[in-house]
Amino acid sequence: MNNFQDLYYFVIVVEKESIKAASRFLNIPISTLSRRIQTFEEELGYKLIHRTAKRFGLTEAGQRLYQSVGPVVHELGMRMDDVNSELSSLSGDIKITAPPGIGHHYLKPLVFEFMRQNPRLTVELFLTNENVDLVRNSIDIAFRIGDVTLNDWVSRPLFSSGLVLVAKPGLVRAEQILRHPSQLTNYPLICTRRMPVWRFHKGDEQAVVVPKPAFRTDEVQFAVDTVRQGFGIACLPEYLVTDLLASGELQPLLPEWDAGGRQVNMIYPHRNNLPAKTRAFIDFIIGRLRQEKLAA
């Protein structure tokens, strides 16, 4: 028995004082509404409405039921309207999670712009290197690096960030020029926990380095800062070090060797009826990404 809908139909019939008027209000056939009320009475086990060709009235049971549930049904209806209004408009809360590196260097300016365009939205940006439980933490949109396999979630590739081997100028002296990844073991190495192995290739030749780090962190920006201080060599996402390479603060090492790359993905629940705020943010990110590609 669909209790709430049956109660709602009953309340509307009472307030419109006829099934015919209620059917017009509800935009359903009279026969359908009459059958639903009759079935509802049968399931309850007592009559609610006196119905004749010329007379409409409530039984004692009908009066008691209406007095008890009428205000509740209207209150629920108003609350449903409020929820529907929020879900269908660009207001309310949107919860996003991303790794700190992506958050600071990619998402931050985009989130600021999105907030300026949508001042009624409240954005919560949860930055962590952990793969948090998206359902338990009520996440609307997540950004993840690498392969993503989550049931009932859409994974949308955004861009691929190459990895670059970098160091502070002067760390590798001229007489010690690196020619092969195997030579890296002669230098202090700065590592992130998510990259315990460095893989390189040049044409058909491949090389694998398992670093013994002088410093290791789970926060990639900390690794960048450690390299900038001259403590060692690191293999870092290109988007984090592009400006530092351009300014000469850092220098690339083994540029003829490809260190590979990692895919950055945006993931969100796999359902057609996404809230308007979630769909708006997704469309905003995709739109900005397309603009960047056109401008490149």
Protein backbone atom coordinates (compact mmCIF):
# COMPACT_ATOMS: atom_id res chain seq x y z
CA MET A 1 0.00 0.00 0.00
CA ASN A 2 1.37 3.42 -0.98
CA ASN A 3 0.27 5.01 2.30
CA PHE A 4 1.48 8.56 1.75
CA GLN A 5 0.02 8.92 -1.72
CA ASP A 6 -3.28 7.38 -0.63
CA LEU A 7 -3.40 9.71 2.38
CA TYR A 8 -2.62 12.65 0.13
CA TYR A 9 -5.42 11.70 -2.26
CA PHE A 10 -7.82 11.31 0.66
CA VAL A 11 -6.90 14.73 2.09
CA ILE A 12 -7.37 16.43 -1.30
CA VAL A 13 -10.76 14.76 -1.81
CA VAL A 14 -11.89 15.99 1.61
CA GLU A 15 -10.68 19.53 1.01
CA LYS A 16 -12.16 19.74 -2.51
CA GLU A 17 -15.39 18.19 -1.14
CA SER A 18 -15.82 15.89 -4.11
CA ILE A 19 -13.92 13.28 -6.05
CA LYS A 20 -14.67 15.12 -9.29
CA ALA A 21 -13.10 18.38 -8.08
CA ALA A 22 -10.17 16.50 -6.56
CA SER A 23 -9.53 14.64 -9.83
CA ARG A 24 -9.31 17.95 -11.69
CA PHE A 25 -6.89 19.32 -9.10
CA LEU A 26 -4.75 16.17 -9.14
CA ASN A 27 -5.03 15.81 -12.92
CA ILE A 28 -5.96 12.13 -12.74
CA PRO A 29 -9.15 10.39 -14.01
CA ILE A 30 -12.16 10.30 -11.69
CA SER A 31 -12.35 6.52 -12.03
CA THR A 32 -8.69 6.14 -10.99
CA LEU A 33 -9.09 8.40 -7.97
CA SER A 34 -12.34 6.73 -6.91
CA ARG A 35 -10.71 3.30 -7.17
CA ARG A 36 -7.71 4.42 -5.13
CA ILE A 37 -9.92 5.78 -2.35
CA GLN A 38 -12.00 2.62 -2.33
CA THR A 39 -8.91 0.41 -2.20
CA PHE A 40 -7.51 2.56 0.60
CA GLU A 41 -10.72 2.07 2.61
CA GLU A 42 -10.60 -1.67 2.05
CA GLU A 43 -7.01 -1.87 3.26
CA LEU A 44 -7.83 0.20 6.34
CA GLY A 45 -10.91 -1.87 7.02
CA TYR A 46 -13.42 1.00 7.43
CA LYS A 47 -15.27 3.52 5.33
CA LEU A 48 -13.93 7.05 5.16
CA ILE A 49 -16.37 8.81 2.84
CA HIS A 50 -20.12 8.67 2.24
CA ARG A 51 -20.61 8.83 -1.50
CA THR A 52 -23.96 9.15 -3.29
CA ALA A 53 -25.02 10.93 -6.46
CA LYS A 54 -26.09 14.03 -4.48
CA ARG A 55 -24.23 13.81 -1.18
CA PHE A 56 -20.61 13.82 -0.06
CA GLY A 57 -19.53 13.54 3.55
CA LEU A 58 -17.08 11.97 5.92
CA THR A 59 -17.72 9.06 8.19
CA GLU A 60 -16.64 9.34 11.81
CA ALA A 61 -13.49 7.39 10.92
CA GLY A 62 -12.88 9.70 7.95
CA GLN A 63 -13.22 12.80 10.16
CA ARG A 64 -10.79 11.45 12.72
CA LEU A 65 -8.27 10.41 10.06
CA TYR A 66 -8.44 13.77 8.30
CA GLN A 67 -8.04 15.71 11.55
CA SER A 68 -5.02 13.58 12.46
CA VAL A 69 -3.18 13.39 9.11
CA GLY A 70 -4.34 16.50 7.23
CA PRO A 71 -1.82 18.92 8.78
CA VAL A 72 0.95 16.28 8.60
CA VAL A 73 0.33 15.62 4.90
CA HIS A 74 0.47 19.34 4.12
CA GLU A 75 3.64 19.74 6.17
CA LEU A 76 5.28 16.85 4.30
CA GLY A 77 4.13 18.31 1.01
CA MET A 78 5.73 21.68 1.83
CA ARG A 79 8.94 19.99 2.91
CA MET A 80 9.02 17.99 -0.33
CA ASP A 81 8.51 21.21 -2.28
CA ASP A 82 11.42 22.79 -0.42
CA VAL A 83 13.67 19.81 -1.21
CA ASN A 84 12.60 19.74 -4.85
CA SER A 85 13.19 23.47 -5.12
CA GLU A 86 16.72 23.12 -3.73
CA LEU A 87 17.57 20.13 -5.93
CA SER A 88 16.27 21.84 -9.04
CA SER A 89 17.94 25.20 -8.36
CA LEU A 90 21.51 26.36 -7.95
CA SER A 91 21.35 26.62 -4.17
CA GLY A 92 22.26 24.49 -1.18
CA ASP A 93 25.48 22.59 -0.46
CA ILE A 94 27.86 20.82 -2.82
CA LYS A 95 30.58 18.60 -1.38
CA ILE A 96 33.74 17.94 -3.38
CA THR A 97 36.87 15.94 -2.59
CA ALA A 98 40.24 15.94 -4.34
CA PRO A 99 43.93 15.26 -3.68
CA PRO A 100 45.65 18.37 -2.26
CA GLY A 101 47.83 18.84 -5.34
CA ILE A 102 44.85 18.85 -7.70
CA GLY A 103 42.88 20.98 -5.26
CA HIS A 104 45.46 23.75 -4.91
CA HIS A 105 46.85 23.87 -8.44
CA TYR A 106 43.82 22.99 -10.58
CA LEU A 107 40.54 23.24 -8.68
CA LYS A 108 41.10 26.30 -6.50
CA PRO A 109 40.72 28.98 -9.22
CA LEU A 110 37.83 27.06 -10.79
CA VAL A 111 35.97 26.72 -7.49
CA PHE A 112 36.41 30.44 -6.83
CA GLU A 113 34.99 31.29 -10.24
CA PHE A 114 32.09 28.86 -9.82
CA MET A 115 31.25 30.36 -6.42
CA ARG A 116 31.21 33.89 -7.85
CA GLN A 117 28.81 32.74 -10.56
CA ASN A 118 26.58 30.90 -8.06
CA PRO A 119 26.51 32.88 -4.79
CA ARG A 120 23.59 30.84 -3.37
CA LEU A 121 25.69 27.68 -3.35
CA THR A 122 27.84 26.61 -0.42
CA VAL A 123 30.92 24.64 -1.49
CA GLU A 124 32.78 22.28 0.81
CA LEU A 125 36.13 21.19 -0.63
CA PHE A 126 37.64 18.23 1.22
CA LEU A 127 41.34 17.81 0.26
CA THR A 128 42.94 14.48 1.10
CA ASN A 129 45.22 11.87 -0.42
CA GLU A 130 43.00 9.13 1.00
CA ASN A 131 40.32 7.48 -1.14
CA VAL A 132 37.50 8.42 1.20
CA ASP A 133 34.20 6.55 1.16
CA LEU A 134 32.20 8.75 -1.19
CA VAL A 135 28.78 7.47 -0.14
CA ARG A 136 29.40 7.54 3.60
CA ASN A 137 30.83 11.06 3.38
CA SER A 138 27.98 12.28 1.12
CA ILE A 139 30.39 13.38 -1.60
CA ASP A 140 28.77 14.92 -4.69
CA ILE A 141 31.86 15.04 -6.91
CA ALA A 142 35.34 13.58 -6.47
CA PHE A 143 38.60 14.03 -8.33
CA ARG A 144 40.89 11.02 -8.43
CA ILE A 145 44.25 10.28 -10.03
CA GLY A 146 44.80 7.00 -11.86
CA ASP A 147 42.38 4.17 -12.58
CA VAL A 148 38.97 4.41 -10.91
CA THR A 149 36.64 1.44 -10.48
CA LEU A 150 33.55 2.34 -8.49
CA ASN A 151 30.14 0.78 -9.03
CA ASP A 152 27.32 3.23 -9.75
CA TRP A 153 29.75 6.14 -10.29
CA VAL A 154 30.72 7.78 -13.57
CA SER A 155 34.46 8.31 -14.09
CA ARG A 156 35.14 11.14 -16.55
CA PRO A 157 38.74 11.61 -17.74
CA LEU A 158 39.82 15.26 -17.55
CA PHE A 159 43.46 15.36 -18.51
CA SER A 160 46.68 13.39 -18.32
CA SER A 161 49.54 14.89 -16.38
CA GLY A 162 53.01 13.78 -17.36
CA LEU A 163 55.66 13.10 -14.75
CA VAL A 164 58.90 15.06 -14.77
CA LEU A 165 62.18 14.30 -13.06
CA VAL A 166 63.37 17.54 -11.43
CA ALA A 167 66.02 18.94 -9.12
CA LYS A 168 67.32 22.28 -7.94
CA PRO A 169 70.01 23.62 -10.29
CA GLY A 170 73.46 22.68 -9.03
CA LEU A 171 72.38 19.51 -7.24
CA VAL A 172 73.77 17.47 -10.13
CA ARG A 173 77.19 18.87 -10.98
CA ALA A 174 78.35 19.19 -14.57
CA GLU A 175 80.83 16.35 -14.23
CA GLN A 176 78.07 14.08 -12.92
CA ILE A 177 75.53 14.55 -15.73
CA LEU A 178 72.81 11.92 -15.56
CA ARG A 179 72.53 9.74 -18.64
CA HIS A 180 70.52 6.78 -17.34
CA PRO A 181 67.82 6.34 -14.64
CA SER A 182 69.99 3.74 -12.91
CA GLN A 183 72.31 6.59 -11.86
CA LEU A 184 69.57 8.09 -9.72
CA THR A 185 70.49 5.76 -6.87
CA ASN A 186 73.64 7.86 -6.42
CA TYR A 187 71.57 10.87 -5.35
CA PRO A 188 69.18 11.73 -2.55
CA LEU A 189 65.64 11.08 -3.78
CA ILE A 190 62.38 12.70 -2.71
CA CYS A 191 59.40 10.35 -2.98
CA THR A 192 55.64 10.33 -2.51
CA ARG A 193 53.94 7.32 -0.99
CA ARG A 194 51.73 6.84 -4.04
CA MET A 195 54.77 6.41 -6.29
CA PRO A 196 57.01 3.78 -4.69
CA VAL A 197 58.39 2.84 -8.13
CA TRP A 198 59.61 5.14 -10.91
CA ARG A 199 59.30 3.80 -14.47
CA PHE A 200 61.06 5.29 -17.47
CA HIS A 201 61.29 4.46 -21.14
CA LYS A 202 63.24 5.78 -24.12
CA GLY A 203 62.15 4.20 -27.36
CA ASP A 204 62.20 0.47 -26.74
CA GLU A 205 64.45 0.72 -23.71
CA GLN A 206 62.85 0.64 -20.27
CA ALA A 207 64.21 1.32 -16.81
CA VAL A 208 62.69 0.81 -13.38
CA VAL A 209 63.93 2.59 -10.26
CA VAL A 210 62.86 1.63 -6.75
CA PRO A 211 63.92 4.70 -4.78
CA LYS A 212 65.43 4.57 -1.34
CA PRO A 213 64.17 7.99 -0.35
CA ALA A 214 66.04 10.59 1.62
CA PHE A 215 62.60 12.04 2.27
CA ARG A 216 59.11 10.61 1.72
CA THR A 217 55.71 12.25 2.07
CA ASP A 218 52.09 11.61 1.16
CA GLU A 219 51.63 15.28 0.16
CA VAL A 220 53.00 16.09 -3.28
CA GLN A 221 53.31 19.84 -2.66
CA PHE A 222 55.56 19.08 0.29
CA ALA A 223 57.72 17.04 -2.10
CA VAL A 224 57.90 20.02 -4.48
CA ASP A 225 58.99 22.32 -1.66
CA THR A 226 61.60 19.79 -0.51
CA VAL A 227 63.12 19.70 -4.00
CA ARG A 228 63.10 23.50 -4.14
CA GLN A 229 65.17 23.50 -0.93
CA GLY A 230 67.79 21.37 -2.68
CA PHE A 231 67.35 18.21 -0.65
CA GLY A 232 67.10 15.84 -3.60
CA ILE A 233 65.60 14.72 -6.90
CA ALA A 234 61.91 13.94 -7.37
CA CYS A 235 59.58 12.60 -10.04
CA LEU A 236 56.62 14.99 -9.93
CA PRO A 237 53.43 15.81 -11.86
CA GLU A 238 54.18 18.26 -14.65
CA TYR A 239 51.34 20.62 -13.72
CA LEU A 240 52.96 21.23 -10.31
CA VAL A 241 56.40 22.20 -11.64
CA THR A 242 55.72 23.88 -15.02
CA ASP A 243 56.15 27.42 -13.65
CA LEU A 244 59.20 26.45 -11.57
CA LEU A 245 60.87 24.95 -14.64
CA ALA A 246 60.01 28.00 -16.74
CA SER A 247 61.51 30.35 -14.14
CA GLY A 248 64.65 28.24 -13.78
CA GLU A 249 64.08 27.56 -10.08
CA LEU A 250 64.06 23.86 -10.93
CA GLN A 251 65.70 22.02 -13.81
CA PRO A 252 64.56 18.88 -15.66
CA LEU A 253 66.72 15.77 -15.53
CA LEU A 254 66.89 12.95 -18.10
CA PRO A 255 64.52 14.81 -20.47
CA GLU A 256 65.06 12.19 -23.15
CA TRP A 257 63.50 9.57 -20.86
CA ASP A 258 59.71 9.46 -20.59
CA ALA A 259 58.58 9.09 -16.98
CA GLY A 260 54.98 8.35 -17.97
CA GLY A 261 51.91 10.12 -16.67
CA ARG A 262 48.72 9.73 -14.69
CA GLN A 263 45.10 10.35 -15.64
CA VAL A 264 43.07 12.86 -13.62
CA ASN A 265 39.40 11.88 -13.42
CA MET A 266 36.22 13.54 -12.19
CA ILE A 267 33.72 11.08 -10.73
CA TYR A 268 30.10 11.52 -9.74
CA PRO A 269 27.05 9.30 -9.07
CA HIS A 270 25.80 7.32 -12.05
CA ARG A 271 22.24 8.52 -12.26
CA ASN A 272 20.22 10.54 -14.75
CA ASN A 273 18.52 12.86 -12.27
CA LEU A 274 21.53 14.59 -10.75
CA PRO A 275 20.75 17.67 -8.66
CA ALA A 276 21.02 20.86 -10.68
CA LYS A 277 23.94 22.09 -8.55
CA THR A 278 25.96 18.91 -9.23
CA ARG A 279 25.21 18.98 -12.95
CA ALA A 280 26.11 22.70 -13.07
CA PHE A 281 29.54 22.09 -11.49
CA ILE A 282 30.26 19.16 -13.82
CA ASP A 283 29.31 21.22 -16.87
CA PHE A 284 31.39 24.13 -15.57
CA ILE A 285 34.53 22.00 -15.21
CA ILE A 286 34.07 20.39 -18.63
CA GLY A 287 33.45 23.79 -20.20
CA ARG A 288 36.61 25.28 -18.71
CA LEU A 289 38.63 22.26 -19.81
CA ARG A 290 37.41 22.68 -23.39
CA GLN A 291 38.33 26.37 -23.32
CA GLU A 292 41.84 25.50 -22.16
CA LYS A 293 42.25 22.99 -24.98
CA LEU A 294 41.06 25.54 -27.56
CA ALA A 295 43.42 28.13 -26.16
CA ALA A 296 46.40 25.76 -26.11
